[in-house]
Amino acid sequence: MAGFDSPDDTSRDEHFLRISRGGATSFHYGSLENGCAFAKTLRVGLNQPAAYVLEDPLFAIGFLRGLLTRGLRVPDDISFVTASCGKLGRYLPVSLTTVYPDLDELAEKIVELLLGRVRGELSSERQCIWLKPRLVVGESTVRATGGC
C-alpha cells in the first residue's frame, strides 16, 4: 500500500484529482470527505481498475459511502481493501476487508528490542521490525475468478 506526495507545486487536492483521473489504484488521502469525493469521480467499466488498495481507513469509509451513493455495488462493481480499520469496518453497510499488523507480535518485538538495549546487547541504531500482516476478509472484496 502506498500514499502519494505532490511532485510539484500543485496543491494536494489538485494532485489527488489528477491521479484519480489517471486511474491510480493505490493511494491515500486522510478524510471521509475526500474518500467520498474520490468515489464520486471514478470511471467504472471496461479498462478501468476494478479493485483498490486504500491505505487510510477514514478515506476508505468515505469511499464506501461515495460508491453506495452512486448506486454502485461493492464488491460486484468495485472491490477494495483498507489498512487497520479495526472493528468499525465490520459494522458498516458493507463490511471492509482489512489488513493490519498483529499488535501482540508488535508489542512482543518492541519489548525484546528495549530489553536488548537495556542489557547492552543492541546498539542505539534504528532497528527494523517485520510483522506478518493479518487479513480480515469482509464484504468489500470478492474472490478473483480469472487467472493472472
N, C-alpha and C. Protein backbone atom coordinates (compact mmCIF):
# COMPACT_ATOMS: atom_id res chain seq x y z
N MET A 1 0.85 -1.16 0.00
CA MET A 1 0.00 0.00 0.00
C MET A 1 0.89 1.23 0.00
N ALA A 2 0.44 2.24 -0.69
CA ALA A 2 1.27 3.42 -0.77
C ALA A 2 0.43 4.66 -0.79
N GLY A 3 1.01 5.72 -0.33
CA GLY A 3 0.37 7.02 -0.41
C GLY A 3 1.01 7.78 -1.54
N PHE A 4 0.84 9.09 -1.56
CA PHE A 4 1.49 9.88 -2.58
C PHE A 4 1.82 11.24 -2.02
N ASP A 5 2.78 11.87 -2.62
CA ASP A 5 3.11 13.26 -2.34
C ASP A 5 3.09 13.99 -3.66
N SER A 6 2.71 15.25 -3.62
CA SER A 6 2.68 16.05 -4.83
C SER A 6 4.10 16.32 -5.31
N PRO A 7 4.42 15.97 -6.56
CA PRO A 7 5.79 16.12 -7.05
C PRO A 7 6.15 17.55 -7.43
N ASP A 8 5.19 18.42 -7.48
CA ASP A 8 5.48 19.80 -7.87
C ASP A 8 4.74 20.75 -6.93
N ASP A 9 4.48 21.94 -7.37
CA ASP A 9 3.88 22.95 -6.50
C ASP A 9 2.35 22.90 -6.47
N THR A 10 1.74 21.91 -7.09
CA THR A 10 0.29 21.84 -7.06
C THR A 10 -0.18 21.49 -5.66
N SER A 11 -1.39 21.87 -5.34
CA SER A 11 -1.92 21.53 -4.03
C SER A 11 -2.17 20.03 -3.98
N ARG A 12 -2.25 19.49 -2.76
CA ARG A 12 -2.54 18.06 -2.61
C ARG A 12 -3.87 17.72 -3.27
N ASP A 13 -4.87 18.62 -3.16
CA ASP A 13 -6.17 18.35 -3.77
C ASP A 13 -6.06 18.23 -5.28
N GLU A 14 -5.33 19.16 -5.91
CA GLU A 14 -5.16 19.11 -7.37
C GLU A 14 -4.42 17.84 -7.79
N HIS A 15 -3.38 17.51 -7.04
CA HIS A 15 -2.59 16.31 -7.36
C HIS A 15 -3.46 15.06 -7.19
N PHE A 16 -4.24 15.02 -6.14
CA PHE A 16 -5.14 13.89 -5.88
C PHE A 16 -6.11 13.70 -7.04
N LEU A 17 -6.72 14.79 -7.49
CA LEU A 17 -7.68 14.69 -8.59
C LEU A 17 -7.00 14.27 -9.89
N ARG A 18 -5.78 14.75 -10.12
CA ARG A 18 -5.05 14.36 -11.33
C ARG A 18 -4.76 12.86 -11.30
N ILE A 19 -4.34 12.34 -10.15
CA ILE A 19 -4.08 10.90 -10.03
C ILE A 19 -5.36 10.11 -10.21
N SER A 20 -6.46 10.56 -9.61
CA SER A 20 -7.71 9.80 -9.69
C SER A 20 -8.20 9.71 -11.13
N ARG A 21 -8.03 10.75 -11.91
CA ARG A 21 -8.45 10.71 -13.31
C ARG A 21 -7.57 9.77 -14.11
N GLY A 22 -6.32 9.57 -13.63
CA GLY A 22 -5.39 8.69 -14.32
C GLY A 22 -5.56 7.23 -13.97
N GLY A 23 -6.49 6.90 -13.10
CA GLY A 23 -6.75 5.51 -12.78
C GLY A 23 -5.80 4.90 -11.78
N ALA A 24 -5.21 5.71 -10.91
CA ALA A 24 -4.32 5.16 -9.88
C ALA A 24 -5.08 4.14 -9.05
N THR A 25 -4.40 3.09 -8.67
CA THR A 25 -5.07 2.05 -7.89
C THR A 25 -4.55 1.92 -6.47
N SER A 26 -3.60 2.74 -6.07
CA SER A 26 -3.10 2.68 -4.71
C SER A 26 -2.80 4.09 -4.25
N PHE A 27 -3.49 4.57 -3.22
CA PHE A 27 -3.37 5.95 -2.80
C PHE A 27 -3.94 6.10 -1.41
N HIS A 28 -3.73 7.20 -0.81
CA HIS A 28 -4.44 7.53 0.42
C HIS A 28 -4.60 9.03 0.51
N TYR A 29 -5.59 9.45 1.21
CA TYR A 29 -5.81 10.87 1.43
C TYR A 29 -6.77 10.98 2.59
N GLY A 30 -6.28 11.32 3.76
CA GLY A 30 -6.91 11.10 5.03
C GLY A 30 -8.17 11.77 5.48
N SER A 31 -9.27 11.65 4.79
CA SER A 31 -10.52 12.12 5.36
C SER A 31 -11.71 11.40 4.73
N LEU A 32 -12.79 11.37 5.49
CA LEU A 32 -14.04 10.79 4.98
C LEU A 32 -14.51 11.53 3.73
N GLU A 33 -14.45 12.85 3.79
CA GLU A 33 -14.94 13.68 2.68
C GLU A 33 -14.17 13.42 1.39
N ASN A 34 -12.84 13.30 1.48
CA ASN A 34 -12.05 13.07 0.28
C ASN A 34 -12.28 11.68 -0.29
N GLY A 35 -12.48 10.69 0.57
CA GLY A 35 -12.81 9.35 0.09
C GLY A 35 -14.12 9.34 -0.67
N CYS A 36 -15.11 10.03 -0.12
CA CYS A 36 -16.42 10.11 -0.77
C CYS A 36 -16.32 10.86 -2.10
N ALA A 37 -15.59 11.98 -2.10
CA ALA A 37 -15.43 12.77 -3.33
C ALA A 37 -14.72 11.96 -4.40
N PHE A 38 -13.69 11.21 -4.02
CA PHE A 38 -12.98 10.40 -4.99
C PHE A 38 -13.89 9.35 -5.61
N ALA A 39 -14.68 8.68 -4.79
CA ALA A 39 -15.59 7.65 -5.30
C ALA A 39 -16.58 8.23 -6.30
N LYS A 40 -16.97 9.46 -6.10
CA LYS A 40 -17.94 10.09 -7.00
C LYS A 40 -17.33 10.48 -8.33
N THR A 41 -15.99 10.53 -8.43
CA THR A 41 -15.34 10.89 -9.69
C THR A 41 -14.83 9.69 -10.47
N LEU A 42 -14.91 8.50 -9.90
CA LEU A 42 -14.37 7.31 -10.56
C LEU A 42 -15.10 6.98 -11.85
N ARG A 43 -14.31 6.55 -12.82
CA ARG A 43 -14.90 5.98 -14.02
C ARG A 43 -15.00 4.48 -13.78
N VAL A 44 -16.12 3.89 -14.09
CA VAL A 44 -16.34 2.47 -13.84
C VAL A 44 -16.62 1.79 -15.17
N GLY A 45 -16.03 0.64 -15.39
CA GLY A 45 -16.31 -0.11 -16.61
C GLY A 45 -15.06 -0.77 -17.16
N LEU A 46 -15.13 -1.14 -18.43
CA LEU A 46 -14.00 -1.80 -19.08
C LEU A 46 -12.77 -0.91 -19.06
N ASN A 47 -11.62 -1.53 -18.94
CA ASN A 47 -10.33 -0.85 -18.93
C ASN A 47 -10.17 0.12 -17.76
N GLN A 48 -10.95 -0.05 -16.72
CA GLN A 48 -10.82 0.75 -15.50
C GLN A 48 -10.48 -0.19 -14.36
N PRO A 49 -9.76 0.30 -13.34
CA PRO A 49 -9.45 -0.57 -12.20
C PRO A 49 -10.74 -1.08 -11.55
N ALA A 50 -10.73 -2.35 -11.17
CA ALA A 50 -11.90 -2.94 -10.51
C ALA A 50 -11.65 -3.15 -9.03
N ALA A 51 -10.40 -2.93 -8.59
CA ALA A 51 -10.06 -3.12 -7.19
C ALA A 51 -9.07 -2.04 -6.77
N TYR A 52 -9.19 -1.62 -5.52
CA TYR A 52 -8.36 -0.55 -4.99
C TYR A 52 -7.78 -0.94 -3.65
N VAL A 53 -6.59 -0.42 -3.35
CA VAL A 53 -5.96 -0.55 -2.04
C VAL A 53 -5.99 0.84 -1.43
N LEU A 54 -6.70 0.98 -0.32
CA LEU A 54 -6.86 2.27 0.33
C LEU A 54 -6.13 2.25 1.67
N GLU A 55 -5.06 3.01 1.76
CA GLU A 55 -4.23 2.97 2.95
C GLU A 55 -4.92 3.55 4.17
N ASP A 56 -5.70 4.56 4.00
CA ASP A 56 -6.29 5.27 5.13
C ASP A 56 -7.71 4.78 5.41
N PRO A 57 -8.00 4.30 6.63
CA PRO A 57 -9.34 3.77 6.91
C PRO A 57 -10.44 4.81 6.83
N LEU A 58 -10.18 6.05 7.22
CA LEU A 58 -11.22 7.09 7.09
C LEU A 58 -11.54 7.34 5.62
N PHE A 59 -10.51 7.41 4.81
CA PHE A 59 -10.70 7.57 3.37
C PHE A 59 -11.54 6.41 2.83
N ALA A 60 -11.25 5.19 3.28
CA ALA A 60 -11.96 4.00 2.82
C ALA A 60 -13.44 4.05 3.18
N ILE A 61 -13.75 4.52 4.38
CA ILE A 61 -15.15 4.63 4.81
C ILE A 61 -15.88 5.67 3.95
N GLY A 62 -15.23 6.79 3.70
CA GLY A 62 -15.82 7.79 2.80
C GLY A 62 -15.97 7.27 1.39
N PHE A 63 -14.97 6.50 0.93
CA PHE A 63 -15.00 5.89 -0.40
C PHE A 63 -16.22 4.98 -0.52
N LEU A 64 -16.45 4.16 0.49
CA LEU A 64 -17.61 3.27 0.51
C LEU A 64 -18.90 4.08 0.40
N ARG A 65 -19.00 5.12 1.18
CA ARG A 65 -20.20 5.98 1.16
C ARG A 65 -20.42 6.55 -0.24
N GLY A 66 -19.35 7.05 -0.86
CA GLY A 66 -19.46 7.62 -2.20
C GLY A 66 -19.90 6.60 -3.24
N LEU A 67 -19.37 5.39 -3.15
CA LEU A 67 -19.76 4.33 -4.09
C LEU A 67 -21.23 3.98 -3.93
N LEU A 68 -21.67 3.81 -2.68
CA LEU A 68 -23.07 3.44 -2.43
C LEU A 68 -24.01 4.56 -2.85
N THR A 69 -23.60 5.81 -2.64
CA THR A 69 -24.42 6.96 -3.06
C THR A 69 -24.62 6.96 -4.58
N ARG A 70 -23.62 6.52 -5.32
CA ARG A 70 -23.72 6.43 -6.78
C ARG A 70 -24.52 5.23 -7.24
N GLY A 71 -24.90 4.37 -6.32
CA GLY A 71 -25.64 3.17 -6.69
C GLY A 71 -24.74 2.03 -7.14
N LEU A 72 -23.44 2.15 -6.90
CA LEU A 72 -22.52 1.08 -7.27
C LEU A 72 -22.57 -0.02 -6.21
N ARG A 73 -22.32 -1.24 -6.66
CA ARG A 73 -22.36 -2.39 -5.75
C ARG A 73 -20.94 -2.79 -5.37
N VAL A 74 -20.73 -2.89 -4.07
CA VAL A 74 -19.44 -3.33 -3.54
C VAL A 74 -19.66 -4.74 -3.00
N PRO A 75 -18.94 -5.73 -3.48
CA PRO A 75 -17.77 -5.72 -4.34
C PRO A 75 -18.07 -6.01 -5.82
N ASP A 76 -19.31 -6.11 -6.22
CA ASP A 76 -19.63 -6.52 -7.59
C ASP A 76 -19.08 -5.55 -8.64
N ASP A 77 -19.23 -4.24 -8.41
CA ASP A 77 -18.73 -3.25 -9.36
C ASP A 77 -17.29 -2.84 -9.05
N ILE A 78 -16.99 -2.66 -7.78
CA ILE A 78 -15.65 -2.25 -7.33
C ILE A 78 -15.36 -2.94 -6.01
N SER A 79 -14.16 -3.51 -5.90
CA SER A 79 -13.69 -4.11 -4.66
C SER A 79 -12.61 -3.22 -4.07
N PHE A 80 -12.45 -3.28 -2.74
CA PHE A 80 -11.32 -2.58 -2.14
C PHE A 80 -10.98 -3.16 -0.78
N VAL A 81 -9.72 -2.93 -0.41
CA VAL A 81 -9.19 -3.35 0.88
C VAL A 81 -8.57 -2.13 1.54
N THR A 82 -8.59 -2.08 2.85
CA THR A 82 -8.00 -0.96 3.57
C THR A 82 -7.08 -1.48 4.67
N ALA A 83 -6.39 -0.57 5.31
CA ALA A 83 -5.45 -0.93 6.37
C ALA A 83 -5.97 -0.49 7.73
N SER A 84 -5.81 -1.35 8.70
CA SER A 84 -6.02 -1.02 10.11
C SER A 84 -7.36 -0.35 10.42
N CYS A 85 -8.42 -0.86 9.88
CA CYS A 85 -9.73 -0.27 10.12
C CYS A 85 -10.34 -0.75 11.44
N GLY A 86 -9.91 -1.89 11.92
CA GLY A 86 -10.41 -2.39 13.20
C GLY A 86 -11.87 -2.80 13.16
N LYS A 87 -12.48 -2.79 14.33
CA LYS A 87 -13.86 -3.27 14.47
C LYS A 87 -14.86 -2.40 13.73
N LEU A 88 -14.58 -1.11 13.58
CA LEU A 88 -15.51 -0.22 12.89
C LEU A 88 -15.85 -0.75 11.50
N GLY A 89 -14.87 -1.30 10.80
CA GLY A 89 -15.08 -1.80 9.45
C GLY A 89 -16.08 -2.93 9.36
N ARG A 90 -16.33 -3.62 10.46
CA ARG A 90 -17.29 -4.73 10.47
C ARG A 90 -18.73 -4.25 10.56
N TYR A 91 -18.95 -3.02 10.99
CA TYR A 91 -20.30 -2.54 11.26
C TYR A 91 -20.82 -1.55 10.22
N LEU A 92 -20.17 -1.47 9.09
CA LEU A 92 -20.62 -0.61 8.00
C LEU A 92 -21.61 -1.37 7.13
N PRO A 93 -22.35 -0.67 6.27
CA PRO A 93 -23.32 -1.36 5.40
C PRO A 93 -22.69 -2.50 4.59
N VAL A 94 -21.43 -2.34 4.22
CA VAL A 94 -20.63 -3.39 3.58
C VAL A 94 -19.38 -3.51 4.45
N SER A 95 -19.18 -4.65 5.10
CA SER A 95 -18.02 -4.78 5.97
C SER A 95 -16.74 -4.72 5.14
N LEU A 96 -15.71 -4.08 5.71
CA LEU A 96 -14.48 -3.83 4.96
C LEU A 96 -13.46 -4.94 5.16
N THR A 97 -12.81 -5.34 4.07
CA THR A 97 -11.67 -6.22 4.14
C THR A 97 -10.49 -5.38 4.59
N THR A 98 -9.82 -5.84 5.64
CA THR A 98 -8.79 -5.03 6.30
C THR A 98 -7.51 -5.82 6.50
N VAL A 99 -6.38 -5.17 6.27
CA VAL A 99 -5.07 -5.71 6.57
C VAL A 99 -4.51 -4.90 7.73
N TYR A 100 -4.01 -5.58 8.75
CA TYR A 100 -3.45 -4.84 9.88
C TYR A 100 -2.35 -5.65 10.54
N PRO A 101 -1.46 -4.96 11.29
CA PRO A 101 -0.39 -5.68 11.97
C PRO A 101 -0.93 -6.41 13.19
N ASP A 102 -0.27 -7.48 13.54
CA ASP A 102 -0.61 -8.21 14.76
C ASP A 102 -0.02 -7.41 15.92
N LEU A 103 -0.87 -6.74 16.69
CA LEU A 103 -0.41 -5.86 17.76
C LEU A 103 0.28 -6.63 18.89
N ASP A 104 -0.14 -7.86 19.14
CA ASP A 104 0.55 -8.67 20.15
C ASP A 104 1.99 -8.95 19.72
N GLU A 105 2.16 -9.31 18.46
CA GLU A 105 3.50 -9.57 17.94
C GLU A 105 4.34 -8.29 17.97
N LEU A 106 3.73 -7.16 17.62
CA LEU A 106 4.43 -5.87 17.65
C LEU A 106 4.91 -5.56 19.07
N ALA A 107 4.03 -5.70 20.05
CA ALA A 107 4.39 -5.41 21.45
C ALA A 107 5.53 -6.32 21.91
N GLU A 108 5.45 -7.59 21.54
CA GLU A 108 6.50 -8.55 21.92
C GLU A 108 7.85 -8.15 21.35
N LYS A 109 7.87 -7.76 20.07
CA LYS A 109 9.13 -7.38 19.43
C LYS A 109 9.68 -6.09 20.01
N ILE A 110 8.81 -5.15 20.35
CA ILE A 110 9.28 -3.90 20.96
C ILE A 110 9.92 -4.17 22.32
N VAL A 111 9.28 -5.01 23.12
CA VAL A 111 9.85 -5.35 24.43
C VAL A 111 11.21 -6.04 24.25
N GLU A 112 11.32 -6.94 23.29
CA GLU A 112 12.60 -7.61 23.02
C GLU A 112 13.68 -6.58 22.68
N LEU A 113 13.35 -5.60 21.82
CA LEU A 113 14.32 -4.58 21.45
C LEU A 113 14.72 -3.72 22.65
N LEU A 114 13.73 -3.32 23.44
CA LEU A 114 14.03 -2.49 24.62
C LEU A 114 14.91 -3.24 25.60
N LEU A 115 14.59 -4.49 25.88
CA LEU A 115 15.41 -5.28 26.79
C LEU A 115 16.83 -5.48 26.24
N GLY A 116 16.93 -5.67 24.93
CA GLY A 116 18.24 -5.80 24.30
C GLY A 116 19.08 -4.55 24.47
N ARG A 117 18.47 -3.40 24.38
CA ARG A 117 19.21 -2.15 24.58
C ARG A 117 19.58 -1.96 26.04
N VAL A 118 18.66 -2.25 26.95
CA VAL A 118 18.94 -2.11 28.38
C VAL A 118 20.10 -3.01 28.78
N ARG A 119 20.14 -4.21 28.25
CA ARG A 119 21.20 -5.18 28.57
C ARG A 119 22.50 -4.88 27.82
N GLY A 120 22.46 -3.94 26.89
CA GLY A 120 23.65 -3.61 26.11
C GLY A 120 23.90 -4.57 24.97
N GLU A 121 22.92 -5.40 24.63
CA GLU A 121 23.06 -6.38 23.54
C GLU A 121 22.79 -5.76 22.18
N LEU A 122 22.10 -4.62 22.14
CA LEU A 122 21.78 -3.94 20.89
C LEU A 122 22.28 -2.50 20.94
N SER A 123 22.72 -2.00 19.80
CA SER A 123 23.14 -0.60 19.74
C SER A 123 21.90 0.30 19.72
N SER A 124 22.13 1.58 19.79
CA SER A 124 21.01 2.52 19.76
C SER A 124 20.60 2.88 18.34
N GLU A 125 21.17 2.20 17.36
CA GLU A 125 20.78 2.44 15.96
C GLU A 125 19.35 2.01 15.73
N ARG A 126 18.76 2.62 14.73
CA ARG A 126 17.38 2.28 14.36
C ARG A 126 17.29 0.81 13.98
N GLN A 127 16.25 0.16 14.45
CA GLN A 127 16.01 -1.26 14.16
C GLN A 127 14.74 -1.40 13.32
N CYS A 128 14.73 -2.32 12.41
CA CYS A 128 13.53 -2.62 11.63
C CYS A 128 12.79 -3.78 12.28
N ILE A 129 11.49 -3.66 12.32
CA ILE A 129 10.64 -4.74 12.83
C ILE A 129 9.76 -5.19 11.67
N TRP A 130 9.82 -6.45 11.33
CA TRP A 130 8.98 -7.01 10.28
C TRP A 130 7.85 -7.80 10.92
N LEU A 131 6.65 -7.48 10.54
CA LEU A 131 5.48 -8.17 11.08
C LEU A 131 4.71 -8.82 9.95
N LYS A 132 4.22 -9.99 10.21
CA LYS A 132 3.35 -10.64 9.24
C LYS A 132 1.96 -9.99 9.38
N PRO A 133 1.44 -9.43 8.30
CA PRO A 133 0.13 -8.79 8.40
C PRO A 133 -0.99 -9.80 8.59
N ARG A 134 -2.05 -9.35 9.21
CA ARG A 134 -3.24 -10.18 9.37
C ARG A 134 -4.31 -9.64 8.41
N LEU A 135 -5.05 -10.55 7.85
CA LEU A 135 -6.11 -10.19 6.91
C LEU A 135 -7.45 -10.58 7.51
N VAL A 136 -8.36 -9.62 7.59
CA VAL A 136 -9.73 -9.89 8.00
C VAL A 136 -10.58 -9.66 6.76
N VAL A 137 -11.13 -10.73 6.20
CA VAL A 137 -11.89 -10.63 4.97
C VAL A 137 -13.30 -10.16 5.28
N GLY A 138 -13.68 -9.07 4.65
CA GLY A 138 -15.04 -8.54 4.78
C GLY A 138 -15.76 -8.65 3.46
N GLU A 139 -16.82 -7.89 3.32
CA GLU A 139 -17.65 -7.94 2.11
C GLU A 139 -17.18 -6.97 1.02
N SER A 140 -16.15 -6.18 1.27
CA SER A 140 -15.70 -5.20 0.28
C SER A 140 -14.80 -5.80 -0.80
N THR A 141 -14.51 -7.10 -0.69
CA THR A 141 -13.72 -7.77 -1.71
C THR A 141 -14.43 -9.04 -2.14
N VAL A 142 -14.08 -9.51 -3.31
CA VAL A 142 -14.64 -10.74 -3.84
C VAL A 142 -13.49 -11.61 -4.32
N ARG A 143 -13.63 -12.90 -4.21
CA ARG A 143 -12.59 -13.82 -4.68
C ARG A 143 -12.45 -13.68 -6.20
N ALA A 144 -11.21 -13.58 -6.65
CA ALA A 144 -10.93 -13.48 -8.09
C ALA A 144 -11.38 -14.74 -8.80
N THR A 145 -11.96 -14.57 -9.97
CA THR A 145 -12.45 -15.72 -10.73
C THR A 145 -11.56 -16.08 -11.91
N GLY A 146 -10.76 -15.15 -12.38
CA GLY A 146 -9.91 -15.41 -13.53
C GLY A 146 -8.47 -15.62 -13.14
N GLY A 147 -7.65 -15.93 -14.12
CA GLY A 147 -6.22 -16.10 -13.88
C GLY A 147 -5.50 -14.76 -14.00
N CYS A 148 -4.21 -14.79 -13.78
CA CYS A 148 -3.40 -13.57 -13.85
C CYS A 148 -3.12 -13.19 -15.29
